[in-house]
Amino acid sequence: MTKFLLSALLLLLVSASAHGQRVSTTTGNDLLESCESKGNLEHAFCLGYIIGVTDVEGMDSAVFPERRRSCVAENVSNGQVRDVVVKYLKDHPEERHLQAAILVVKAMGQAFPCKAQ
């Protein structure tokens, strides 16, 4: 299964545009459909997309701490993160037409807010 996930993620990376200004056309509707699919490729896309967004968000927060939008504990699993995003997408159908990356960040911020310092 790990080999399949790595292959699917590699395929996604290779198929992505090399242009740095590319804006994703993946909407919340697209992401939810992939996450709820029974197909292995769609499921891999769902998990890979969500983890990719959260990884980039984490790197951004490490460089620019003032932009931190969520504080996820180290013991939170990828499956749990996926469940949080799917729940957010189901609970906010009025937002699902928006870019999926924005919705992933919003879901994580709502589920794992940072404590006031």
N, C-alpha and C. Protein backbone atom coordinates (compact mmCIF):
# COMPACT_ATOMS: atom_id res chain seq x y z
N MET A 1 0.83 -1.19 0.00
CA MET A 1 0.00 0.00 0.00
C MET A 1 0.88 1.26 0.00
N THR A 2 1.96 1.23 0.78
CA THR A 2 2.87 2.38 0.82
C THR A 2 3.46 2.64 -0.54
N LYS A 3 3.83 1.57 -1.24
CA LYS A 3 4.40 1.71 -2.58
C LYS A 3 3.37 2.36 -3.51
N PHE A 4 2.12 1.99 -3.39
CA PHE A 4 1.07 2.57 -4.22
C PHE A 4 0.91 4.06 -3.92
N LEU A 5 0.87 4.42 -2.63
CA LEU A 5 0.72 5.82 -2.26
C LEU A 5 1.88 6.65 -2.78
N LEU A 6 3.09 6.14 -2.65
CA LEU A 6 4.25 6.86 -3.16
C LEU A 6 4.17 7.03 -4.67
N SER A 7 3.74 5.99 -5.37
CA SER A 7 3.60 6.07 -6.82
C SER A 7 2.55 7.10 -7.21
N ALA A 8 1.45 7.11 -6.50
CA ALA A 8 0.37 8.07 -6.80
C ALA A 8 0.84 9.50 -6.54
N LEU A 9 1.55 9.70 -5.43
CA LEU A 9 2.04 11.04 -5.13
C LEU A 9 3.08 11.49 -6.15
N LEU A 10 3.94 10.57 -6.57
CA LEU A 10 4.93 10.90 -7.59
C LEU A 10 4.24 11.29 -8.89
N LEU A 11 3.21 10.54 -9.25
CA LEU A 11 2.44 10.86 -10.45
C LEU A 11 1.84 12.26 -10.35
N LEU A 12 1.33 12.61 -9.18
CA LEU A 12 0.76 13.94 -9.00
C LEU A 12 1.82 15.02 -9.12
N LEU A 13 2.98 14.78 -8.55
CA LEU A 13 4.06 15.76 -8.63
C LEU A 13 4.55 15.94 -10.06
N VAL A 14 4.71 14.85 -10.79
CA VAL A 14 5.20 14.91 -12.15
C VAL A 14 4.18 15.60 -13.06
N SER A 15 2.90 15.39 -12.80
CA SER A 15 1.87 15.96 -13.66
C SER A 15 1.58 17.43 -13.33
N ALA A 16 2.09 17.92 -12.21
CA ALA A 16 1.86 19.32 -11.85
C ALA A 16 2.66 20.25 -12.75
N SER A 17 2.12 21.40 -12.98
CA SER A 17 2.79 22.39 -13.81
C SER A 17 4.06 22.88 -13.13
N ALA A 18 5.09 23.13 -13.91
CA ALA A 18 6.35 23.64 -13.38
C ALA A 18 6.29 25.15 -13.16
N HIS A 19 5.26 25.78 -13.63
CA HIS A 19 5.13 27.22 -13.51
C HIS A 19 4.83 27.58 -12.06
N GLY A 20 5.64 28.46 -11.47
CA GLY A 20 5.52 28.81 -10.06
C GLY A 20 4.26 29.56 -9.69
N GLN A 21 3.59 30.17 -10.64
CA GLN A 21 2.40 30.95 -10.34
C GLN A 21 1.12 30.15 -10.53
N ARG A 22 1.22 28.88 -10.76
CA ARG A 22 0.04 28.06 -11.00
C ARG A 22 -0.87 28.08 -9.79
N VAL A 23 -2.14 28.25 -10.03
CA VAL A 23 -3.15 28.22 -8.98
C VAL A 23 -3.94 26.93 -9.15
N SER A 24 -4.10 26.21 -8.08
CA SER A 24 -4.82 24.95 -8.12
C SER A 24 -6.27 25.17 -8.53
N THR A 25 -6.76 24.28 -9.35
CA THR A 25 -8.17 24.33 -9.72
C THR A 25 -8.99 23.32 -8.93
N THR A 26 -8.36 22.66 -7.98
CA THR A 26 -9.05 21.69 -7.14
C THR A 26 -9.93 22.43 -6.14
N THR A 27 -11.21 22.16 -6.20
CA THR A 27 -12.16 22.80 -5.28
C THR A 27 -12.45 21.87 -4.10
N GLY A 28 -13.15 22.41 -3.13
CA GLY A 28 -13.60 21.59 -2.02
C GLY A 28 -14.50 20.47 -2.47
N ASN A 29 -15.32 20.73 -3.49
CA ASN A 29 -16.17 19.67 -4.05
C ASN A 29 -15.33 18.54 -4.62
N ASP A 30 -14.27 18.90 -5.37
CA ASP A 30 -13.38 17.88 -5.95
C ASP A 30 -12.69 17.06 -4.86
N LEU A 31 -12.21 17.77 -3.83
CA LEU A 31 -11.50 17.08 -2.76
C LEU A 31 -12.42 16.14 -2.00
N LEU A 32 -13.61 16.59 -1.67
CA LEU A 32 -14.55 15.73 -0.94
C LEU A 32 -14.91 14.51 -1.77
N GLU A 33 -15.12 14.70 -3.06
CA GLU A 33 -15.42 13.56 -3.93
C GLU A 33 -14.28 12.55 -3.91
N SER A 34 -13.06 13.02 -3.97
CA SER A 34 -11.90 12.11 -3.92
C SER A 34 -11.81 11.40 -2.57
N CYS A 35 -12.04 12.15 -1.51
CA CYS A 35 -11.93 11.58 -0.16
C CYS A 35 -13.00 10.53 0.12
N GLU A 36 -14.16 10.68 -0.49
CA GLU A 36 -15.25 9.74 -0.26
C GLU A 36 -15.28 8.61 -1.28
N SER A 37 -14.39 8.65 -2.26
CA SER A 37 -14.34 7.62 -3.29
C SER A 37 -13.84 6.30 -2.72
N LYS A 38 -14.25 5.23 -3.35
CA LYS A 38 -13.77 3.90 -2.97
C LYS A 38 -12.50 3.53 -3.74
N GLY A 39 -12.15 4.32 -4.75
CA GLY A 39 -10.98 4.03 -5.57
C GLY A 39 -9.68 4.37 -4.86
N ASN A 40 -8.68 3.52 -5.05
CA ASN A 40 -7.39 3.73 -4.40
C ASN A 40 -6.70 5.00 -4.86
N LEU A 41 -6.75 5.30 -6.15
CA LEU A 41 -6.08 6.48 -6.67
C LEU A 41 -6.72 7.75 -6.12
N GLU A 42 -8.04 7.79 -6.10
CA GLU A 42 -8.74 8.95 -5.57
C GLU A 42 -8.46 9.14 -4.08
N HIS A 43 -8.46 8.03 -3.36
CA HIS A 43 -8.18 8.09 -1.92
C HIS A 43 -6.75 8.58 -1.68
N ALA A 44 -5.81 8.12 -2.49
CA ALA A 44 -4.42 8.56 -2.38
C ALA A 44 -4.30 10.05 -2.70
N PHE A 45 -5.04 10.50 -3.73
CA PHE A 45 -5.04 11.93 -4.05
C PHE A 45 -5.54 12.74 -2.86
N CYS A 46 -6.64 12.31 -2.27
CA CYS A 46 -7.23 13.00 -1.11
C CYS A 46 -6.20 13.16 0.00
N LEU A 47 -5.62 12.05 0.42
CA LEU A 47 -4.68 12.10 1.53
C LEU A 47 -3.43 12.88 1.15
N GLY A 48 -2.92 12.66 -0.05
CA GLY A 48 -1.72 13.37 -0.49
C GLY A 48 -1.93 14.87 -0.58
N TYR A 49 -3.09 15.27 -1.09
CA TYR A 49 -3.40 16.70 -1.21
C TYR A 49 -3.46 17.34 0.17
N ILE A 50 -4.20 16.73 1.07
CA ILE A 50 -4.37 17.29 2.41
C ILE A 50 -3.04 17.37 3.15
N ILE A 51 -2.27 16.30 3.11
CA ILE A 51 -0.98 16.29 3.82
C ILE A 51 -0.03 17.29 3.16
N GLY A 52 -0.07 17.40 1.85
CA GLY A 52 0.76 18.38 1.16
C GLY A 52 0.44 19.80 1.61
N VAL A 53 -0.84 20.12 1.67
CA VAL A 53 -1.24 21.47 2.11
C VAL A 53 -0.80 21.70 3.55
N THR A 54 -1.02 20.73 4.42
CA THR A 54 -0.65 20.93 5.83
C THR A 54 0.86 21.01 6.01
N ASP A 55 1.61 20.28 5.18
CA ASP A 55 3.07 20.38 5.24
C ASP A 55 3.55 21.77 4.82
N VAL A 56 2.98 22.29 3.74
CA VAL A 56 3.36 23.63 3.29
C VAL A 56 2.96 24.67 4.34
N GLU A 57 1.79 24.50 4.90
CA GLU A 57 1.34 25.41 5.96
C GLU A 57 2.29 25.37 7.15
N GLY A 58 2.75 24.18 7.51
CA GLY A 58 3.69 24.04 8.62
C GLY A 58 5.04 24.69 8.32
N MET A 59 5.51 24.54 7.09
CA MET A 59 6.78 25.18 6.71
C MET A 59 6.63 26.69 6.71
N ASP A 60 5.52 27.19 6.19
CA ASP A 60 5.28 28.63 6.19
C ASP A 60 5.25 29.17 7.61
N SER A 61 4.61 28.45 8.52
CA SER A 61 4.53 28.88 9.91
C SER A 61 5.88 28.84 10.60
N ALA A 62 6.74 27.92 10.19
CA ALA A 62 8.08 27.85 10.78
C ALA A 62 8.92 29.06 10.37
N VAL A 63 8.75 29.52 9.15
CA VAL A 63 9.50 30.67 8.65
C VAL A 63 8.85 31.98 9.10
N PHE A 64 7.53 32.00 9.10
CA PHE A 64 6.78 33.20 9.47
C PHE A 64 5.80 32.87 10.60
N PRO A 65 6.29 32.78 11.83
CA PRO A 65 5.43 32.36 12.95
C PRO A 65 4.18 33.21 13.12
N GLU A 66 4.24 34.46 12.73
CA GLU A 66 3.07 35.33 12.88
C GLU A 66 1.92 34.92 11.97
N ARG A 67 2.21 34.07 10.97
CA ARG A 67 1.17 33.62 10.04
C ARG A 67 0.60 32.24 10.42
N ARG A 68 0.99 31.73 11.57
CA ARG A 68 0.51 30.40 12.00
C ARG A 68 -1.01 30.41 12.12
N ARG A 69 -1.65 29.44 11.48
CA ARG A 69 -3.11 29.37 11.49
C ARG A 69 -3.65 28.20 12.30
N SER A 70 -2.79 27.24 12.60
CA SER A 70 -3.22 26.10 13.40
C SER A 70 -2.04 25.56 14.19
N CYS A 71 -2.35 24.85 15.26
CA CYS A 71 -1.33 24.25 16.12
C CYS A 71 -1.70 22.78 16.33
N VAL A 72 -1.16 21.93 15.49
CA VAL A 72 -1.50 20.51 15.50
C VAL A 72 -0.50 19.76 16.37
N ALA A 73 -1.01 18.97 17.30
CA ALA A 73 -0.15 18.16 18.17
C ALA A 73 0.62 17.13 17.35
N GLU A 74 1.78 16.76 17.83
CA GLU A 74 2.64 15.82 17.10
C GLU A 74 2.02 14.44 16.93
N ASN A 75 1.15 14.04 17.84
CA ASN A 75 0.60 12.69 17.78
C ASN A 75 -0.68 12.58 16.95
N VAL A 76 -1.04 13.64 16.23
CA VAL A 76 -2.21 13.60 15.36
C VAL A 76 -1.82 12.85 14.08
N SER A 77 -2.60 11.84 13.72
CA SER A 77 -2.27 11.01 12.55
C SER A 77 -2.76 11.66 11.26
N ASN A 78 -2.19 11.21 10.15
CA ASN A 78 -2.64 11.68 8.84
C ASN A 78 -4.12 11.35 8.62
N GLY A 79 -4.55 10.19 9.08
CA GLY A 79 -5.95 9.81 8.96
C GLY A 79 -6.86 10.74 9.75
N GLN A 80 -6.40 11.16 10.90
CA GLN A 80 -7.19 12.09 11.71
C GLN A 80 -7.28 13.45 11.02
N VAL A 81 -6.18 13.90 10.43
CA VAL A 81 -6.19 15.16 9.69
C VAL A 81 -7.17 15.06 8.52
N ARG A 82 -7.15 13.95 7.81
CA ARG A 82 -8.08 13.72 6.71
C ARG A 82 -9.52 13.80 7.21
N ASP A 83 -9.80 13.14 8.33
CA ASP A 83 -11.15 13.15 8.90
C ASP A 83 -11.60 14.56 9.26
N VAL A 84 -10.70 15.37 9.80
CA VAL A 84 -11.01 16.76 10.16
C VAL A 84 -11.40 17.54 8.91
N VAL A 85 -10.64 17.38 7.84
CA VAL A 85 -10.93 18.11 6.60
C VAL A 85 -12.24 17.64 5.99
N VAL A 86 -12.47 16.34 5.95
CA VAL A 86 -13.72 15.82 5.38
C VAL A 86 -14.92 16.33 6.19
N LYS A 87 -14.81 16.34 7.50
CA LYS A 87 -15.89 16.85 8.34
C LYS A 87 -16.15 18.32 8.04
N TYR A 88 -15.09 19.10 7.91
CA TYR A 88 -15.24 20.53 7.59
C TYR A 88 -15.96 20.70 6.25
N LEU A 89 -15.53 19.94 5.26
CA LEU A 89 -16.15 20.05 3.93
C LEU A 89 -17.64 19.68 3.98
N LYS A 90 -17.97 18.65 4.75
CA LYS A 90 -19.37 18.25 4.87
C LYS A 90 -20.19 19.28 5.65
N ASP A 91 -19.56 19.89 6.66
CA ASP A 91 -20.26 20.87 7.50
C ASP A 91 -20.41 22.24 6.83
N HIS A 92 -19.65 22.49 5.76
CA HIS A 92 -19.65 23.80 5.11
C HIS A 92 -19.86 23.67 3.60
N PRO A 93 -21.01 23.14 3.18
CA PRO A 93 -21.25 22.97 1.75
C PRO A 93 -21.27 24.30 0.99
N GLU A 94 -21.56 25.38 1.70
CA GLU A 94 -21.60 26.70 1.06
C GLU A 94 -20.21 27.20 0.65
N GLU A 95 -19.16 26.55 1.15
CA GLU A 95 -17.79 26.96 0.83
C GLU A 95 -17.09 26.01 -0.14
N ARG A 96 -17.70 24.88 -0.45
CA ARG A 96 -17.02 23.84 -1.21
C ARG A 96 -16.63 24.23 -2.63
N HIS A 97 -17.16 25.31 -3.14
CA HIS A 97 -16.77 25.77 -4.48
C HIS A 97 -15.41 26.48 -4.44
N LEU A 98 -14.92 26.80 -3.23
CA LEU A 98 -13.65 27.49 -3.07
C LEU A 98 -12.47 26.55 -3.29
N GLN A 99 -11.29 27.13 -3.44
CA GLN A 99 -10.07 26.36 -3.62
C GLN A 99 -9.86 25.43 -2.42
N ALA A 100 -9.59 24.18 -2.70
CA ALA A 100 -9.48 23.17 -1.65
C ALA A 100 -8.39 23.50 -0.64
N ALA A 101 -7.27 24.04 -1.07
CA ALA A 101 -6.17 24.35 -0.15
C ALA A 101 -6.62 25.34 0.92
N ILE A 102 -7.41 26.33 0.52
CA ILE A 102 -7.92 27.30 1.49
C ILE A 102 -8.80 26.61 2.52
N LEU A 103 -9.62 25.69 2.06
CA LEU A 103 -10.53 24.98 2.96
C LEU A 103 -9.79 24.04 3.91
N VAL A 104 -8.71 23.43 3.43
CA VAL A 104 -7.89 22.58 4.30
C VAL A 104 -7.30 23.42 5.43
N VAL A 105 -6.76 24.58 5.09
CA VAL A 105 -6.17 25.47 6.10
C VAL A 105 -7.23 25.93 7.09
N LYS A 106 -8.41 26.29 6.60
CA LYS A 106 -9.49 26.71 7.49
C LYS A 106 -9.93 25.58 8.42
N ALA A 107 -10.03 24.37 7.87
CA ALA A 107 -10.45 23.22 8.68
C ALA A 107 -9.46 22.95 9.80
N MET A 108 -8.17 23.02 9.46
CA MET A 108 -7.15 22.75 10.47
C MET A 108 -7.14 23.84 11.55
N GLY A 109 -7.33 25.09 11.15
CA GLY A 109 -7.36 26.18 12.12
C GLY A 109 -8.54 26.07 13.06
N GLN A 110 -9.67 25.61 12.53
CA GLN A 110 -10.86 25.45 13.36
C GLN A 110 -10.70 24.27 14.33
N ALA A 111 -10.14 23.18 13.85
CA ALA A 111 -10.01 21.98 14.69
C ALA A 111 -8.85 22.05 15.66
N PHE A 112 -7.79 22.74 15.26
CA PHE A 112 -6.58 22.80 16.09
C PHE A 112 -6.13 24.25 16.26
N PRO A 113 -6.94 25.06 16.96
CA PRO A 113 -6.55 26.46 17.15
C PRO A 113 -5.33 26.57 18.07
N CYS A 114 -4.56 27.61 17.86
CA CYS A 114 -3.41 27.87 18.74
C CYS A 114 -3.92 28.55 20.01
N LYS A 115 -3.32 28.17 21.13
CA LYS A 115 -3.68 28.81 22.39
C LYS A 115 -3.13 30.23 22.40
N ALA A 116 -3.87 31.14 22.99
CA ALA A 116 -3.39 32.52 23.10
C ALA A 116 -2.14 32.54 23.95
N GLN A 117 -1.17 33.32 23.50
CA GLN A 117 0.11 33.34 24.22
C GLN A 117 0.24 34.52 25.11
